[in-house]
Amino acid sequence: MFQKLESVESRYNDLSDRLSDPRVLEDKAQYRKLSQEYSELTALVETYRQHKTIIQAIENNKKLLDDEDEEIQELAKEEIHILKEKQGNLETTLRSLLLPKDPFDKKNVILEIRAGTGGEEAALFVADLFRMYARYAETRGWRVETMSQNATGLGGFKEIIALIEGGKVYSHLKYESGVHRVQRVPTTESQGRIHTSAVTVAVLPEAEEVDIKIDPSDLRVDVFRSSGPGGQSVNTTDSAVRVTHLPTGVVVTCQDEKSQHKNKAKALKVLRARLLDLASTEQRNEISQARKNQVGSGDRSERIRTYNFPQGRLTDHRIGLTLYRLESILEGNLDEIIDHLQAHFQTEALKAKKSEQ
C-alpha cells in the first residue's frame, strides 16, 4: 500500500509543477483535465503526508524511551500510544481512499419509480417517494426534470421517470435501487386496516453518447397520441413516442412534451441510461461468478426498505437501520440514511479487498 502511496504522491507533485507551467495554463482543456486529477488526489496525498508525520513523531518519541529521566520516558510512552492510535485511524482512511472509485459516482441519474403490488395505494406511494427525492434534490441544489409519467386518477403514478442533475448525484442515490415497501391505512380503506404495498425504485447513471453508442438501425420508433389518466386522449397530434431497442428488447415511452422531437430526445436519454445499466449489470454478474462476496450491487429485486406509517418508522433492511421520524424523511431529509448506507458499503468493500489480499 505504501509503495503505491509513494507513486501517488510523486504524481501529485508532478501535477502541481505542471499546473504552474505557462504552456499548460494556455491550454484550457489540458489545464482542466490536470486540475481535476490534482483535485481527486488531494485528500489521499494530504492524508498520506499526515501519516508520514505521525510515523516520524513515533520514531522521535521512541528515542526518548532510553532517556535517563523516568518522567520523560513515561511521557514518551503516553505520546507513542496516542500517536499509534492516530496511525491506525489514518491507515484505515488511506485504505478507504485507495478503493477503486465507482466510475459512475459523478454522473447525473435517471430515477425510475414504479408501482408494484398494492394497486392505487402503490401508485400513491410512487408520488410520495418522488416528492421525497425531489425535496432531497432541492436541499442539495440539484435540478429535477420529469422525463415521463403515467398518472392515475387519484393523484398517484403507475410510473414516473425523472432526470436529476447536479454534483455527484449517483454517488448519493445509487443505494436507493430496490423494492420499497409501505405499510399504512389507505384513504380508500373504510375499516381502518393496514395494507402493505410495494414500489420499485431504479437509479440509473445518466449515459452520454460517448458511453453508449446506439446504431439508429437498431431502433424502432413508433408515434401515437398522448393519453392521460383512464386512457383519455390529451393531445390531437401524434406527439408521443415509443422507442424500442431491437437487440435488447428495451422499450421506452415518452409523451409529456407536445413536441414529438422533444419526446424522442427524452426517450433516447432514458434508453441510453437503461442500456448502460444493463451493460454494467452484466459486468457485475461476470465478476460475481469469480468473486462471491459481491458488494453493493444495488439489486432491484430485493426488498431494501419499509415505511411503516402507523409507527412513524423507517427500516432499512440491508443495514438494520431503524429511524422513528418517517414524516421528516418523506420531506426529503435523507442525509442520515444515505450516510449510513455509504459507510456500510464502504466497510464491506474494505473487507472484501482485505480478503482478496
Protein backbone atom coordinates (compact mmCIF):
# COMPACT_ATOMS: atom_id res chain seq x y z
CA MET A 1 0.00 0.00 0.00
CA PHE A 2 2.75 2.46 0.94
CA GLN A 3 4.66 1.81 -2.27
CA LYS A 4 1.53 2.78 -4.18
CA LEU A 5 1.09 5.86 -2.00
CA GLU A 6 4.64 6.97 -2.78
CA SER A 7 3.90 6.80 -6.51
CA VAL A 8 0.64 8.71 -5.99
CA GLU A 9 2.46 11.46 -4.09
CA SER A 10 5.08 11.63 -6.83
CA ARG A 11 2.33 12.03 -9.44
CA TYR A 12 0.67 14.71 -7.27
CA ASN A 13 3.93 16.70 -7.09
CA ASP A 14 4.34 16.37 -10.84
CA LEU A 15 0.81 17.68 -11.41
CA SER A 16 1.50 20.62 -9.10
CA ASP A 17 4.53 21.58 -11.20
CA ARG A 18 2.69 21.17 -14.49
CA LEU A 19 -0.27 23.27 -13.36
CA SER A 20 2.09 26.23 -12.84
CA ASP A 21 3.61 25.76 -16.31
CA PRO A 22 2.61 28.73 -18.58
CA ARG A 23 2.15 26.36 -21.53
CA VAL A 24 -0.41 24.30 -19.59
CA LEU A 25 -2.16 27.47 -18.38
CA GLU A 26 -2.68 28.50 -22.01
CA ASP A 27 -4.25 25.13 -22.92
CA LYS A 28 -7.66 25.28 -21.19
CA ALA A 29 -8.62 21.68 -21.96
CA GLN A 30 -5.35 20.27 -20.61
CA TYR A 31 -5.42 22.57 -17.59
CA ARG A 32 -8.98 21.44 -16.76
CA LYS A 33 -8.02 17.78 -17.09
CA LEU A 34 -4.90 18.09 -14.91
CA SER A 35 -6.74 20.23 -12.33
CA GLN A 36 -9.40 17.58 -11.97
CA GLU A 37 -6.82 14.83 -11.44
CA TYR A 38 -4.95 17.03 -8.94
CA SER A 39 -8.17 17.70 -7.02
CA GLU A 40 -9.04 13.98 -6.92
CA LEU A 41 -5.63 13.10 -5.43
CA THR A 42 -5.52 15.90 -2.85
CA ALA A 43 -7.37 14.14 0.01
CA LEU A 44 -5.32 10.97 -0.43
CA VAL A 45 -1.97 12.76 -0.54
CA GLU A 46 -2.76 15.04 2.41
CA THR A 47 -3.79 12.02 4.49
CA TYR A 48 -0.62 10.16 3.49
CA ARG A 49 1.52 13.15 4.50
CA GLN A 50 -0.22 13.25 7.89
CA HIS A 51 0.57 9.55 8.24
CA LYS A 52 4.27 10.14 7.48
CA THR A 53 4.36 12.94 10.05
CA ILE A 54 2.86 10.58 12.66
CA ILE A 55 5.39 7.85 11.84
CA GLN A 56 8.26 10.31 12.26
CA ALA A 57 6.82 11.53 15.59
CA ILE A 58 6.62 7.92 16.83
CA GLU A 59 10.27 7.35 15.92
CA ASN A 60 11.29 10.54 17.71
CA ASN A 61 9.44 9.50 20.86
CA LYS A 62 10.97 6.02 20.77
CA LYS A 63 14.39 7.63 21.14
CA LEU A 64 13.19 9.24 24.37
CA LEU A 65 12.46 5.82 25.89
CA ASP A 66 16.19 5.50 26.64
CA ASP A 67 16.33 8.87 28.41
CA GLU A 68 17.71 8.80 31.95
CA ASP A 69 14.73 10.82 33.22
CA GLU A 70 11.91 8.38 34.03
CA GLU A 71 9.29 11.14 33.73
CA ILE A 72 10.37 11.81 30.15
CA GLN A 73 10.18 8.05 29.45
CA GLU A 74 6.58 7.93 30.73
CA LEU A 75 5.59 10.97 28.69
CA ALA A 76 7.13 9.36 25.60
CA LYS A 77 5.17 6.12 26.21
CA GLU A 78 1.91 8.03 26.51
CA GLU A 79 2.66 10.02 23.37
CA ILE A 80 3.54 6.85 21.42
CA HIS A 81 0.24 5.26 22.49
CA ILE A 82 -1.73 8.29 21.27
CA LEU A 83 0.24 8.51 18.03
CA LYS A 84 -0.22 4.80 17.24
CA GLU A 85 -3.98 5.19 17.62
CA LYS A 86 -3.87 8.08 15.14
CA GLN A 87 -1.68 5.99 12.86
CA GLY A 88 -4.28 3.19 12.82
CA ASN A 89 -7.11 5.60 12.05
CA LEU A 90 -5.14 7.20 9.23
CA GLU A 91 -4.30 3.82 7.71
CA THR A 92 -8.00 2.90 7.70
CA THR A 93 -8.75 6.19 5.93
CA LEU A 94 -5.95 5.57 3.43
CA ARG A 95 -7.28 2.11 2.56
CA SER A 96 -10.71 3.64 2.06
CA LEU A 97 -9.34 6.38 -0.20
CA LEU A 98 -7.41 3.79 -2.22
CA LEU A 99 -10.55 1.77 -3.00
CA PRO A 100 -11.40 1.80 -6.72
CA LYS A 101 -13.78 4.66 -7.41
CA ASP A 102 -17.17 3.89 -8.93
CA PRO A 103 -16.82 5.33 -12.45
CA PHE A 104 -20.44 6.47 -12.32
CA ASP A 105 -20.28 8.36 -8.99
CA LYS A 106 -20.04 11.81 -10.58
CA LYS A 107 -22.86 11.23 -13.03
CA ASN A 108 -26.40 12.57 -13.06
CA VAL A 109 -29.10 9.94 -12.69
CA ILE A 110 -32.25 8.72 -14.34
CA LEU A 111 -34.64 7.96 -11.46
CA GLU A 112 -37.41 5.47 -12.26
CA ILE A 113 -40.17 4.76 -9.69
CA ARG A 114 -42.89 2.21 -10.47
CA ALA A 115 -45.93 0.92 -8.61
CA GLY A 116 -45.73 -2.76 -7.67
CA THR A 117 -48.22 -4.75 -5.63
CA GLY A 118 -50.97 -2.72 -3.99
CA GLY A 119 -52.90 -1.11 -6.83
CA GLU A 120 -53.86 2.54 -6.30
CA GLU A 121 -52.17 2.63 -2.88
CA ALA A 122 -48.85 1.67 -4.51
CA ALA A 123 -49.38 4.36 -7.15
CA LEU A 124 -49.95 6.96 -4.43
CA PHE A 125 -46.73 5.90 -2.72
CA VAL A 126 -44.86 6.36 -6.02
CA ALA A 127 -45.94 10.02 -5.80
CA ASP A 128 -44.79 10.19 -2.16
CA LEU A 129 -41.34 8.77 -2.96
CA PHE A 130 -40.89 11.03 -5.98
CA ARG A 131 -41.73 14.04 -3.82
CA MET A 132 -39.22 12.80 -1.18
CA TYR A 133 -36.40 12.53 -3.73
CA ALA A 134 -37.33 15.86 -5.33
CA ARG A 135 -37.20 17.57 -1.91
CA TYR A 136 -33.83 15.92 -1.17
CA ALA A 137 -32.53 17.10 -4.56
CA GLU A 138 -33.69 20.62 -3.73
CA THR A 139 -31.72 20.65 -0.44
CA ARG A 140 -28.57 19.73 -2.38
CA GLY A 141 -29.11 22.25 -5.15
CA TRP A 142 -29.78 19.61 -7.81
CA ARG A 143 -32.14 20.06 -10.76
CA VAL A 144 -35.04 17.63 -11.33
CA GLU A 145 -36.66 17.25 -14.76
CA THR A 146 -39.59 14.88 -15.28
CA MET A 147 -38.94 12.72 -18.35
CA SER A 148 -42.10 10.61 -18.37
CA GLN A 149 -45.07 9.93 -16.11
CA ASN A 150 -48.11 7.69 -16.12
CA ALA A 151 -50.61 9.29 -13.73
CA THR A 152 -53.64 7.70 -12.10
CA GLY A 153 -56.97 9.33 -11.32
CA LEU A 154 -56.35 9.77 -7.57
CA GLY A 155 -53.06 11.66 -7.80
CA GLY A 156 -50.69 8.70 -7.92
CA PHE A 157 -48.41 7.37 -10.65
CA LYS A 158 -48.11 3.92 -12.16
CA GLU A 159 -44.65 5.09 -13.21
CA ILE A 160 -42.61 8.27 -13.13
CA ILE A 161 -39.17 8.82 -14.66
CA ALA A 162 -37.00 11.87 -13.94
CA LEU A 163 -33.53 13.19 -14.68
CA ILE A 164 -31.67 14.53 -11.64
CA GLU A 165 -28.67 16.73 -12.44
CA GLY A 166 -26.03 18.05 -10.02
CA GLY A 167 -22.79 17.26 -8.23
CA LYS A 168 -22.15 13.53 -7.65
CA VAL A 169 -25.86 12.66 -7.76
CA TYR A 170 -25.26 8.95 -8.45
CA SER A 171 -22.85 8.59 -5.50
CA HIS A 172 -25.63 9.74 -3.15
CA LEU A 173 -28.62 7.92 -4.67
CA LYS A 174 -27.18 4.67 -6.04
CA TYR A 175 -28.14 2.64 -2.95
CA GLU A 176 -31.83 3.63 -3.32
CA SER A 177 -32.40 0.99 -6.02
CA GLY A 178 -34.67 -1.81 -4.86
CA VAL A 179 -38.14 -2.61 -3.56
CA HIS A 180 -39.58 -0.06 -1.12
CA ARG A 181 -42.45 -1.43 0.98
CA VAL A 182 -45.12 0.79 2.57
CA GLN A 183 -47.45 -0.14 5.43
CA ARG A 184 -50.34 2.24 6.09
CA VAL A 185 -54.13 2.63 6.07
CA PRO A 186 -55.16 3.65 2.53
CA THR A 187 -57.54 6.57 2.09
CA THR A 188 -59.97 4.17 0.41
CA GLU A 189 -59.97 1.74 3.40
CA SER A 190 -63.22 2.09 5.35
CA GLN A 191 -62.35 -0.47 8.06
CA GLY A 192 -59.09 1.20 9.09
CA ARG A 193 -56.99 -1.85 8.16
CA ILE A 194 -53.30 -1.50 7.42
CA HIS A 195 -52.33 -2.50 3.89
CA THR A 196 -48.88 -3.42 2.61
CA SER A 197 -47.89 -2.22 -0.86
CA ALA A 198 -44.63 -2.17 -2.79
CA VAL A 199 -42.87 0.22 -5.14
CA THR A 200 -39.69 -0.37 -7.15
CA VAL A 201 -37.00 2.28 -7.48
CA ALA A 202 -34.26 2.20 -10.11
CA VAL A 203 -31.38 4.68 -10.03
CA LEU A 204 -29.50 4.63 -13.34
CA PRO A 205 -26.39 6.69 -14.12
CA GLU A 206 -27.07 9.05 -17.00
CA ALA A 207 -25.29 7.80 -20.11
CA GLU A 208 -23.70 10.19 -22.57
CA GLU A 209 -23.43 9.33 -26.24
CA VAL A 210 -19.74 8.56 -25.68
CA ASP A 211 -20.74 5.97 -23.02
CA ILE A 212 -23.30 4.12 -25.12
CA LYS A 213 -23.27 4.12 -28.91
CA ILE A 214 -26.70 3.39 -30.39
CA ASP A 215 -26.98 2.31 -34.02
CA PRO A 216 -30.08 4.01 -35.49
CA SER A 217 -30.80 0.81 -37.43
CA ASP A 218 -31.25 -0.98 -34.07
CA LEU A 219 -34.19 1.27 -33.17
CA ARG A 220 -37.88 1.07 -33.96
CA VAL A 221 -39.66 4.38 -33.34
CA ASP A 222 -43.46 4.44 -33.07
CA VAL A 223 -45.53 7.60 -32.64
CA PHE A 224 -49.06 7.90 -31.22
CA ARG A 225 -51.34 10.33 -29.42
CA SER A 226 -50.66 11.10 -25.76
CA SER A 227 -53.13 9.79 -23.18
CA GLY A 228 -53.94 10.82 -19.63
CA PRO A 229 -55.42 9.02 -16.60
CA GLY A 230 -58.03 6.48 -17.70
CA GLY A 231 -56.65 6.43 -21.24
CA GLN A 232 -58.36 9.58 -22.50
CA SER A 233 -56.54 11.40 -25.28
CA VAL A 234 -54.90 14.65 -24.17
CA ASN A 235 -53.38 15.61 -27.49
CA THR A 236 -54.69 15.95 -31.02
CA THR A 237 -51.37 15.14 -32.72
CA ASP A 238 -49.12 12.07 -32.77
CA SER A 239 -46.55 13.57 -30.38
CA ALA A 240 -46.00 10.60 -28.03
CA VAL A 241 -43.00 8.42 -28.88
CA ARG A 242 -42.19 4.78 -28.18
CA VAL A 243 -38.60 3.71 -28.86
CA THR A 244 -37.71 0.01 -28.99
CA HIS A 245 -34.08 -1.13 -28.92
CA LEU A 246 -34.34 -4.26 -31.07
CA PRO A 247 -31.17 -6.12 -29.93
CA THR A 248 -32.17 -5.99 -26.22
CA GLY A 249 -35.94 -5.51 -26.39
CA VAL A 250 -35.72 -2.44 -24.10
CA VAL A 251 -38.74 -0.18 -24.65
CA VAL A 252 -39.03 3.49 -23.59
CA THR A 253 -42.14 5.64 -23.98
CA CYS A 254 -42.28 9.43 -23.55
CA GLN A 255 -45.39 11.56 -24.01
CA ASP A 256 -45.01 14.52 -21.64
CA GLU A 257 -43.92 17.03 -24.28
CA LYS A 258 -46.17 18.39 -27.03
CA SER A 259 -43.27 18.07 -29.47
CA GLN A 260 -42.54 14.68 -31.00
CA HIS A 261 -38.86 15.60 -31.34
CA LYS A 262 -38.57 16.51 -27.63
CA ASN A 263 -40.26 13.27 -26.59
CA LYS A 264 -37.91 11.29 -28.81
CA ALA A 265 -34.86 13.07 -27.34
CA LYS A 266 -36.05 12.29 -23.80
CA ALA A 267 -36.79 8.66 -24.73
CA LEU A 268 -33.28 8.23 -26.15
CA LYS A 269 -31.75 9.71 -22.98
CA VAL A 270 -33.65 7.17 -20.84
CA LEU A 271 -32.79 4.37 -23.28
CA ARG A 272 -29.06 5.13 -23.08
CA ALA A 273 -29.23 5.04 -19.26
CA ARG A 274 -31.02 1.67 -19.30
CA LEU A 275 -28.53 0.19 -21.78
CA LEU A 276 -25.60 1.42 -19.68
CA ASP A 277 -27.19 -0.12 -16.58
CA LEU A 278 -27.76 -3.37 -18.49
CA ALA A 279 -24.12 -3.48 -19.57
CA SER A 280 -22.80 -2.72 -16.07
CA THR A 281 -25.15 -5.32 -14.53
CA GLU A 282 -23.81 -7.96 -16.92
CA GLN A 283 -20.27 -6.97 -15.99
CA ARG A 284 -21.08 -7.21 -12.25
CA ASN A 285 -22.60 -10.66 -12.80
CA GLU A 286 -19.42 -11.82 -14.50
CA ILE A 287 -17.34 -10.50 -11.61
CA SER A 288 -19.59 -12.18 -9.04
CA GLN A 289 -19.04 -15.55 -10.70
CA ALA A 290 -15.36 -15.22 -9.82
CA ARG A 291 -15.86 -13.42 -6.51
CA LYS A 292 -18.83 -14.49 -4.39
CA ASN A 293 -18.68 -11.55 -2.00
CA GLN A 294 -20.18 -9.04 -4.38
CA VAL A 295 -20.54 -5.69 -2.59
CA GLY A 296 -23.15 -3.01 -3.19
CA SER A 297 -24.73 -4.48 -6.31
CA GLY A 298 -27.93 -2.46 -5.82
CA ASP A 299 -30.05 -5.42 -6.95
CA ARG A 300 -33.53 -4.01 -7.60
CA SER A 301 -35.22 -7.37 -6.95
CA GLU A 302 -34.54 -7.26 -3.20
CA ARG A 303 -36.71 -5.54 -0.59
CA ILE A 304 -34.49 -2.85 0.85
CA ARG A 305 -36.73 -0.65 2.98
CA THR A 306 -40.05 -0.50 4.85
CA TYR A 307 -42.01 2.69 5.56
CA ASN A 308 -44.44 1.99 8.44
CA PHE A 309 -46.85 4.92 8.81
CA PRO A 310 -48.77 3.84 11.98
CA GLN A 311 -45.48 3.68 13.92
CA GLY A 312 -43.78 6.57 12.07
CA ARG A 313 -40.94 4.14 11.40
CA LEU A 314 -38.49 3.61 8.56
CA THR A 315 -36.35 0.45 8.46
CA ASP A 316 -33.52 -0.19 6.01
CA HIS A 317 -33.21 -3.98 5.98
CA ARG A 318 -29.73 -4.08 4.42
CA ILE A 319 -28.01 -2.36 7.32
CA GLY A 320 -30.50 -2.90 10.14
CA LEU A 321 -31.15 0.83 10.49
CA THR A 322 -34.45 1.90 12.09
CA LEU A 323 -35.50 5.54 12.47
CA TYR A 324 -38.69 6.86 14.06
CA ARG A 325 -39.05 10.08 12.09
CA LEU A 326 -40.82 8.97 8.93
CA GLU A 327 -42.59 12.28 8.33
CA SER A 328 -39.28 14.18 8.28
CA ILE A 329 -37.68 11.60 5.96
CA LEU A 330 -40.55 11.85 3.47
CA GLU A 331 -39.95 15.62 3.44
CA GLY A 332 -36.55 14.86 1.89
CA ASN A 333 -34.33 14.65 4.98
CA LEU A 334 -32.35 11.63 3.74
CA ASP A 335 -28.81 12.57 4.77
CA GLU A 336 -28.65 10.29 7.83
CA ILE A 337 -29.83 7.24 5.86
CA ILE A 338 -27.52 7.90 2.91
CA ASP A 339 -24.53 8.50 5.22
CA HIS A 340 -25.15 5.15 6.96
CA LEU A 341 -25.50 3.34 3.61
CA GLN A 342 -22.30 4.84 2.18
CA ALA A 343 -20.36 3.95 5.35
CA HIS A 344 -21.74 0.39 5.36
CA PHE A 345 -20.96 -0.42 1.74
CA GLN A 346 -17.52 1.21 2.01
CA THR A 347 -16.76 -1.01 5.02
CA GLU A 348 -17.95 -4.08 3.10
CA ALA A 349 -15.73 -3.12 0.18
CA LEU A 350 -12.73 -2.79 2.53
CA LYS A 351 -13.46 -6.24 3.99
CA ALA A 352 -13.69 -7.75 0.51
CA LYS A 353 -10.41 -6.10 -0.52
CA LYS A 354 -8.63 -7.44 2.58
CA SER A 355 -9.93 -10.98 1.96
CA GLU A 356 -8.51 -10.86 -1.58
CA GLN A 357 -5.03 -9.82 -0.42
